[in-house]
Amino acid sequence: MKTTLYVLLVLLISIISPMVGDMLMVGWLSLGIADITGNYFSLGILPVEIVAVGITTAILFTAYKHKATLYMPMYIALSVAVHVFYLQFLGNPMSDISLYLAGVLIGCAVWFSLMWRLALSK
């Protein structure tokens, strides 16, 4: 029963995460903290996606603690697939989609390695 609920939770969060990332991006750009026209990836996409993946990692912590080797790759695969579909649906060019995917993968690498090192390796 727990496994089914965790799978559904990972599926739901993976589907919602691209929209969370877009909402965070709109908020980040509206602050006008940095001129991101020169380096859109490192000043815009990467920080926002790291925060978005951090939020989803915190939400899914109990699922990851239950069976990290199943749910972490599931989240990565589903999140990347939903990001591609969502961004193509919005009419983004492939270059922008690849930047977003790189941000998601870097965010997953950062948060999953920290969580594995600090909480799950015991």
N, C-alpha and C. Protein backbone atom coordinates (compact mmCIF):
# COMPACT_ATOMS: atom_id res chain seq x y z
N MET A 1 0.82 -1.20 0.00
CA MET A 1 0.00 0.00 0.00
C MET A 1 0.86 1.26 0.00
N LYS A 2 1.91 1.26 0.85
CA LYS A 2 2.79 2.42 0.91
C LYS A 2 3.47 2.67 -0.42
N THR A 3 3.91 1.61 -1.06
CA THR A 3 4.61 1.74 -2.34
C THR A 3 3.71 2.39 -3.38
N THR A 4 2.46 1.99 -3.43
CA THR A 4 1.52 2.58 -4.39
C THR A 4 1.33 4.07 -4.13
N LEU A 5 1.18 4.44 -2.87
CA LEU A 5 1.02 5.85 -2.53
C LEU A 5 2.26 6.66 -2.87
N TYR A 6 3.44 6.09 -2.61
CA TYR A 6 4.68 6.79 -2.94
C TYR A 6 4.84 6.95 -4.45
N VAL A 7 4.48 5.92 -5.20
CA VAL A 7 4.57 6.01 -6.67
C VAL A 7 3.63 7.11 -7.17
N LEU A 8 2.41 7.14 -6.65
CA LEU A 8 1.46 8.18 -7.05
C LEU A 8 1.95 9.57 -6.66
N LEU A 9 2.56 9.68 -5.48
CA LEU A 9 3.10 10.97 -5.05
C LEU A 9 4.24 11.43 -5.96
N VAL A 10 5.13 10.52 -6.30
CA VAL A 10 6.24 10.86 -7.20
C VAL A 10 5.70 11.26 -8.57
N LEU A 11 4.70 10.53 -9.07
CA LEU A 11 4.08 10.88 -10.35
C LEU A 11 3.46 12.28 -10.30
N LEU A 12 2.71 12.56 -9.27
CA LEU A 12 2.05 13.86 -9.14
C LEU A 12 3.06 15.00 -9.05
N ILE A 13 4.07 14.83 -8.22
CA ILE A 13 5.08 15.88 -8.06
C ILE A 13 5.88 16.05 -9.35
N SER A 14 6.16 14.98 -10.06
CA SER A 14 6.88 15.08 -11.33
C SER A 14 6.09 15.83 -12.38
N ILE A 15 4.78 15.69 -12.35
CA ILE A 15 3.93 16.40 -13.30
C ILE A 15 3.79 17.87 -12.92
N ILE A 16 3.77 18.16 -11.63
CA ILE A 16 3.58 19.54 -11.17
C ILE A 16 4.88 20.34 -11.20
N SER A 17 6.02 19.69 -11.08
CA SER A 17 7.29 20.42 -10.92
C SER A 17 7.64 21.38 -12.05
N PRO A 18 7.34 21.11 -13.33
CA PRO A 18 7.64 22.12 -14.34
C PRO A 18 6.85 23.41 -14.16
N MET A 19 5.61 23.29 -13.71
CA MET A 19 4.82 24.50 -13.47
C MET A 19 5.34 25.27 -12.28
N VAL A 20 5.81 24.56 -11.26
CA VAL A 20 6.42 25.23 -10.11
C VAL A 20 7.67 25.97 -10.55
N GLY A 21 8.48 25.33 -11.39
CA GLY A 21 9.68 25.99 -11.91
C GLY A 21 9.35 27.23 -12.71
N ASP A 22 8.31 27.17 -13.52
CA ASP A 22 7.91 28.35 -14.31
C ASP A 22 7.39 29.48 -13.42
N MET A 23 6.62 29.13 -12.40
CA MET A 23 6.14 30.17 -11.48
C MET A 23 7.30 30.82 -10.73
N LEU A 24 8.26 30.00 -10.33
CA LEU A 24 9.44 30.56 -9.67
C LEU A 24 10.25 31.44 -10.62
N MET A 25 10.33 31.03 -11.90
CA MET A 25 11.06 31.82 -12.89
C MET A 25 10.39 33.18 -13.10
N VAL A 26 9.08 33.21 -13.18
CA VAL A 26 8.36 34.47 -13.33
C VAL A 26 8.62 35.37 -12.12
N GLY A 27 8.57 34.78 -10.94
CA GLY A 27 8.85 35.56 -9.73
C GLY A 27 10.28 36.07 -9.69
N TRP A 28 11.22 35.23 -10.09
CA TRP A 28 12.63 35.60 -10.10
C TRP A 28 12.89 36.74 -11.10
N LEU A 29 12.29 36.62 -12.29
CA LEU A 29 12.49 37.65 -13.30
C LEU A 29 11.79 38.96 -12.92
N SER A 30 10.68 38.88 -12.20
CA SER A 30 9.98 40.10 -11.81
C SER A 30 10.72 40.86 -10.73
N LEU A 31 11.59 40.19 -9.98
CA LEU A 31 12.38 40.89 -8.97
C LEU A 31 13.41 41.81 -9.60
N GLY A 32 13.90 41.44 -10.77
CA GLY A 32 14.87 42.27 -11.47
C GLY A 32 16.19 42.40 -10.75
N ILE A 33 16.58 41.36 -10.03
CA ILE A 33 17.81 41.41 -9.24
C ILE A 33 19.04 41.49 -10.14
N ALA A 34 19.05 40.70 -11.17
CA ALA A 34 20.22 40.65 -12.04
C ALA A 34 19.79 40.78 -13.50
N ASP A 35 20.65 41.36 -14.28
CA ASP A 35 20.40 41.43 -15.71
C ASP A 35 20.78 40.08 -16.30
N ILE A 36 19.78 39.30 -16.66
CA ILE A 36 20.05 37.94 -17.10
C ILE A 36 20.15 37.81 -18.60
N THR A 37 20.12 38.95 -19.30
CA THR A 37 20.20 38.85 -20.76
C THR A 37 21.55 38.32 -21.20
N GLY A 38 22.58 38.56 -20.43
CA GLY A 38 23.91 38.10 -20.81
C GLY A 38 24.12 36.63 -20.54
N ASN A 39 23.60 36.14 -19.42
CA ASN A 39 23.81 34.75 -19.06
C ASN A 39 22.52 34.18 -18.46
N TYR A 40 21.60 33.86 -19.32
CA TYR A 40 20.27 33.40 -18.93
C TYR A 40 20.32 32.10 -18.13
N PHE A 41 21.26 31.22 -18.47
CA PHE A 41 21.31 29.93 -17.79
C PHE A 41 21.78 30.06 -16.35
N SER A 42 22.93 30.67 -16.14
CA SER A 42 23.50 30.68 -14.79
C SER A 42 22.85 31.70 -13.86
N LEU A 43 22.21 32.73 -14.39
CA LEU A 43 21.56 33.71 -13.54
C LEU A 43 20.04 33.56 -13.47
N GLY A 44 19.48 32.77 -14.36
CA GLY A 44 18.04 32.61 -14.38
C GLY A 44 17.59 31.19 -14.17
N ILE A 45 17.88 30.34 -15.14
CA ILE A 45 17.36 28.98 -15.13
C ILE A 45 17.96 28.14 -14.00
N LEU A 46 19.27 28.15 -13.85
CA LEU A 46 19.93 27.27 -12.89
C LEU A 46 19.50 27.55 -11.45
N PRO A 47 19.53 28.79 -10.97
CA PRO A 47 19.09 28.99 -9.58
C PRO A 47 17.63 28.63 -9.35
N VAL A 48 16.79 28.94 -10.31
CA VAL A 48 15.37 28.64 -10.17
C VAL A 48 15.13 27.14 -10.15
N GLU A 49 15.77 26.41 -11.05
CA GLU A 49 15.57 24.97 -11.09
C GLU A 49 16.18 24.28 -9.87
N ILE A 50 17.27 24.80 -9.34
CA ILE A 50 17.84 24.23 -8.12
C ILE A 50 16.86 24.40 -6.96
N VAL A 51 16.23 25.57 -6.88
CA VAL A 51 15.23 25.79 -5.83
C VAL A 51 14.00 24.90 -6.05
N ALA A 52 13.54 24.80 -7.29
CA ALA A 52 12.36 23.97 -7.58
C ALA A 52 12.62 22.51 -7.26
N VAL A 53 13.79 22.01 -7.64
CA VAL A 53 14.12 20.61 -7.33
C VAL A 53 14.30 20.44 -5.83
N GLY A 54 14.82 21.45 -5.16
CA GLY A 54 14.95 21.39 -3.70
C GLY A 54 13.60 21.30 -3.01
N ILE A 55 12.63 22.04 -3.51
CA ILE A 55 11.28 21.97 -2.95
C ILE A 55 10.68 20.58 -3.16
N THR A 56 10.82 20.06 -4.37
CA THR A 56 10.26 18.72 -4.63
C THR A 56 11.01 17.64 -3.86
N THR A 57 12.30 17.82 -3.65
CA THR A 57 13.07 16.86 -2.87
C THR A 57 12.60 16.86 -1.42
N ALA A 58 12.32 18.03 -0.89
CA ALA A 58 11.82 18.10 0.48
C ALA A 58 10.44 17.45 0.61
N ILE A 59 9.60 17.66 -0.39
CA ILE A 59 8.26 17.05 -0.37
C ILE A 59 8.35 15.53 -0.48
N LEU A 60 9.26 15.06 -1.32
CA LEU A 60 9.37 13.62 -1.57
C LEU A 60 10.37 12.92 -0.65
N PHE A 61 10.82 13.58 0.41
CA PHE A 61 11.85 13.00 1.27
C PHE A 61 11.43 11.66 1.86
N THR A 62 10.19 11.55 2.31
CA THR A 62 9.78 10.27 2.91
C THR A 62 9.73 9.15 1.88
N ALA A 63 9.34 9.48 0.66
CA ALA A 63 9.36 8.46 -0.39
C ALA A 63 10.79 8.04 -0.69
N TYR A 64 11.69 9.03 -0.79
CA TYR A 64 13.09 8.71 -1.06
C TYR A 64 13.69 7.90 0.08
N LYS A 65 13.29 8.21 1.29
CA LYS A 65 13.80 7.47 2.44
C LYS A 65 13.31 6.03 2.42
N HIS A 66 12.12 5.83 1.89
CA HIS A 66 11.54 4.49 1.79
C HIS A 66 12.30 3.62 0.78
N LYS A 67 12.51 4.15 -0.43
CA LYS A 67 13.22 3.39 -1.47
C LYS A 67 13.82 4.37 -2.49
N ALA A 68 14.95 4.91 -2.14
CA ALA A 68 15.58 5.97 -2.95
C ALA A 68 16.01 5.48 -4.31
N THR A 69 16.48 4.26 -4.41
CA THR A 69 16.97 3.77 -5.70
C THR A 69 15.86 3.58 -6.73
N LEU A 70 14.62 3.54 -6.30
CA LEU A 70 13.49 3.47 -7.22
C LEU A 70 12.91 4.85 -7.51
N TYR A 71 12.69 5.64 -6.47
CA TYR A 71 11.95 6.88 -6.64
C TYR A 71 12.79 8.03 -7.19
N MET A 72 14.07 8.06 -6.90
CA MET A 72 14.91 9.13 -7.47
C MET A 72 15.00 9.04 -8.99
N PRO A 73 15.36 7.88 -9.55
CA PRO A 73 15.36 7.79 -11.02
C PRO A 73 13.98 7.99 -11.64
N MET A 74 12.94 7.55 -10.93
CA MET A 74 11.59 7.75 -11.44
C MET A 74 11.27 9.25 -11.52
N TYR A 75 11.62 9.98 -10.48
CA TYR A 75 11.38 11.43 -10.50
C TYR A 75 12.17 12.09 -11.63
N ILE A 76 13.43 11.73 -11.79
CA ILE A 76 14.26 12.34 -12.83
C ILE A 76 13.67 12.07 -14.21
N ALA A 77 13.35 10.82 -14.49
CA ALA A 77 12.82 10.47 -15.82
C ALA A 77 11.49 11.16 -16.09
N LEU A 78 10.58 11.11 -15.14
CA LEU A 78 9.27 11.72 -15.35
C LEU A 78 9.36 13.24 -15.41
N SER A 79 10.17 13.82 -14.57
CA SER A 79 10.29 15.27 -14.57
C SER A 79 10.89 15.77 -15.88
N VAL A 80 11.90 15.10 -16.37
CA VAL A 80 12.50 15.49 -17.65
C VAL A 80 11.50 15.33 -18.78
N ALA A 81 10.77 14.22 -18.79
CA ALA A 81 9.78 14.00 -19.85
C ALA A 81 8.67 15.04 -19.81
N VAL A 82 8.19 15.36 -18.62
CA VAL A 82 7.12 16.37 -18.50
C VAL A 82 7.65 17.74 -18.86
N HIS A 83 8.89 18.05 -18.47
CA HIS A 83 9.49 19.33 -18.86
C HIS A 83 9.55 19.47 -20.38
N VAL A 84 10.01 18.43 -21.05
CA VAL A 84 10.11 18.48 -22.51
C VAL A 84 8.73 18.70 -23.13
N PHE A 85 7.75 17.92 -22.70
CA PHE A 85 6.40 18.05 -23.24
C PHE A 85 5.82 19.43 -22.96
N TYR A 86 5.95 19.89 -21.73
CA TYR A 86 5.39 21.17 -21.31
C TYR A 86 6.04 22.34 -22.06
N LEU A 87 7.35 22.33 -22.15
CA LEU A 87 8.04 23.44 -22.82
C LEU A 87 7.82 23.42 -24.33
N GLN A 88 7.71 22.22 -24.93
CA GLN A 88 7.37 22.16 -26.35
C GLN A 88 5.95 22.64 -26.59
N PHE A 89 5.04 22.31 -25.69
CA PHE A 89 3.66 22.76 -25.80
C PHE A 89 3.58 24.28 -25.75
N LEU A 90 4.45 24.91 -24.96
CA LEU A 90 4.47 26.37 -24.86
C LEU A 90 5.22 27.02 -26.01
N GLY A 91 5.80 26.22 -26.91
CA GLY A 91 6.45 26.76 -28.09
C GLY A 91 7.89 27.18 -27.91
N ASN A 92 8.56 26.65 -26.90
CA ASN A 92 9.97 26.98 -26.69
C ASN A 92 10.84 26.26 -27.70
N PRO A 93 11.93 26.90 -28.14
CA PRO A 93 12.86 26.21 -29.04
C PRO A 93 13.66 25.15 -28.28
N MET A 94 14.22 24.20 -29.01
CA MET A 94 14.97 23.11 -28.39
C MET A 94 16.16 23.60 -27.59
N SER A 95 16.76 24.70 -27.97
CA SER A 95 17.89 25.22 -27.21
C SER A 95 17.46 25.64 -25.80
N ASP A 96 16.29 26.26 -25.68
CA ASP A 96 15.78 26.63 -24.35
C ASP A 96 15.38 25.40 -23.55
N ILE A 97 14.79 24.43 -24.22
CA ILE A 97 14.39 23.21 -23.53
C ILE A 97 15.61 22.49 -22.99
N SER A 98 16.68 22.45 -23.76
CA SER A 98 17.90 21.78 -23.29
C SER A 98 18.52 22.51 -22.11
N LEU A 99 18.42 23.83 -22.08
CA LEU A 99 18.91 24.58 -20.92
C LEU A 99 18.10 24.27 -19.68
N TYR A 100 16.79 24.20 -19.81
CA TYR A 100 15.95 23.84 -18.68
C TYR A 100 16.25 22.43 -18.19
N LEU A 101 16.44 21.50 -19.12
CA LEU A 101 16.74 20.12 -18.72
C LEU A 101 18.09 20.04 -18.03
N ALA A 102 19.06 20.80 -18.51
CA ALA A 102 20.36 20.83 -17.83
C ALA A 102 20.21 21.37 -16.42
N GLY A 103 19.38 22.40 -16.24
CA GLY A 103 19.13 22.93 -14.91
C GLY A 103 18.46 21.92 -13.99
N VAL A 104 17.51 21.18 -14.52
CA VAL A 104 16.83 20.14 -13.73
C VAL A 104 17.82 19.05 -13.35
N LEU A 105 18.63 18.60 -14.29
CA LEU A 105 19.58 17.53 -14.00
C LEU A 105 20.66 17.98 -13.01
N ILE A 106 21.12 19.21 -13.13
CA ILE A 106 22.09 19.72 -12.16
C ILE A 106 21.45 19.85 -10.78
N GLY A 107 20.22 20.35 -10.74
CA GLY A 107 19.51 20.45 -9.46
C GLY A 107 19.31 19.08 -8.82
N CYS A 108 18.95 18.10 -9.62
CA CYS A 108 18.79 16.74 -9.09
C CYS A 108 20.13 16.21 -8.58
N ALA A 109 21.19 16.45 -9.31
CA ALA A 109 22.51 15.97 -8.87
C ALA A 109 22.90 16.61 -7.54
N VAL A 110 22.66 17.91 -7.41
CA VAL A 110 23.02 18.61 -6.17
C VAL A 110 22.20 18.09 -5.00
N TRP A 111 20.88 18.13 -5.12
CA TRP A 111 20.01 17.78 -3.99
C TRP A 111 20.05 16.29 -3.67
N PHE A 112 20.08 15.44 -4.68
CA PHE A 112 20.08 14.01 -4.41
C PHE A 112 21.40 13.58 -3.79
N SER A 113 22.51 14.16 -4.24
CA SER A 113 23.79 13.79 -3.63
C SER A 113 23.87 14.28 -2.19
N LEU A 114 23.37 15.49 -1.91
CA LEU A 114 23.34 15.98 -0.53
C LEU A 114 22.45 15.10 0.34
N MET A 115 21.27 14.79 -0.16
CA MET A 115 20.35 13.98 0.63
C MET A 115 20.91 12.58 0.84
N TRP A 116 21.54 12.02 -0.18
CA TRP A 116 22.11 10.69 -0.04
C TRP A 116 23.24 10.70 0.99
N ARG A 117 24.05 11.71 0.90
CA ARG A 117 25.21 11.81 1.80
C ARG A 117 24.79 12.06 3.25
N LEU A 118 23.81 12.93 3.45
CA LEU A 118 23.46 13.33 4.81
C LEU A 118 22.37 12.50 5.46
N ALA A 119 21.44 11.96 4.68
CA ALA A 119 20.30 11.30 5.30
C ALA A 119 20.09 9.84 4.90
N LEU A 120 20.45 9.48 3.70
CA LEU A 120 20.06 8.15 3.23
C LEU A 120 21.17 7.12 3.28
N SER A 121 22.39 7.52 3.50
CA SER A 121 23.49 6.57 3.45
C SER A 121 23.59 5.74 4.73
N LYS A 122 22.83 6.09 5.74
CA LYS A 122 22.92 5.38 7.02
C LYS A 122 22.12 4.11 7.03
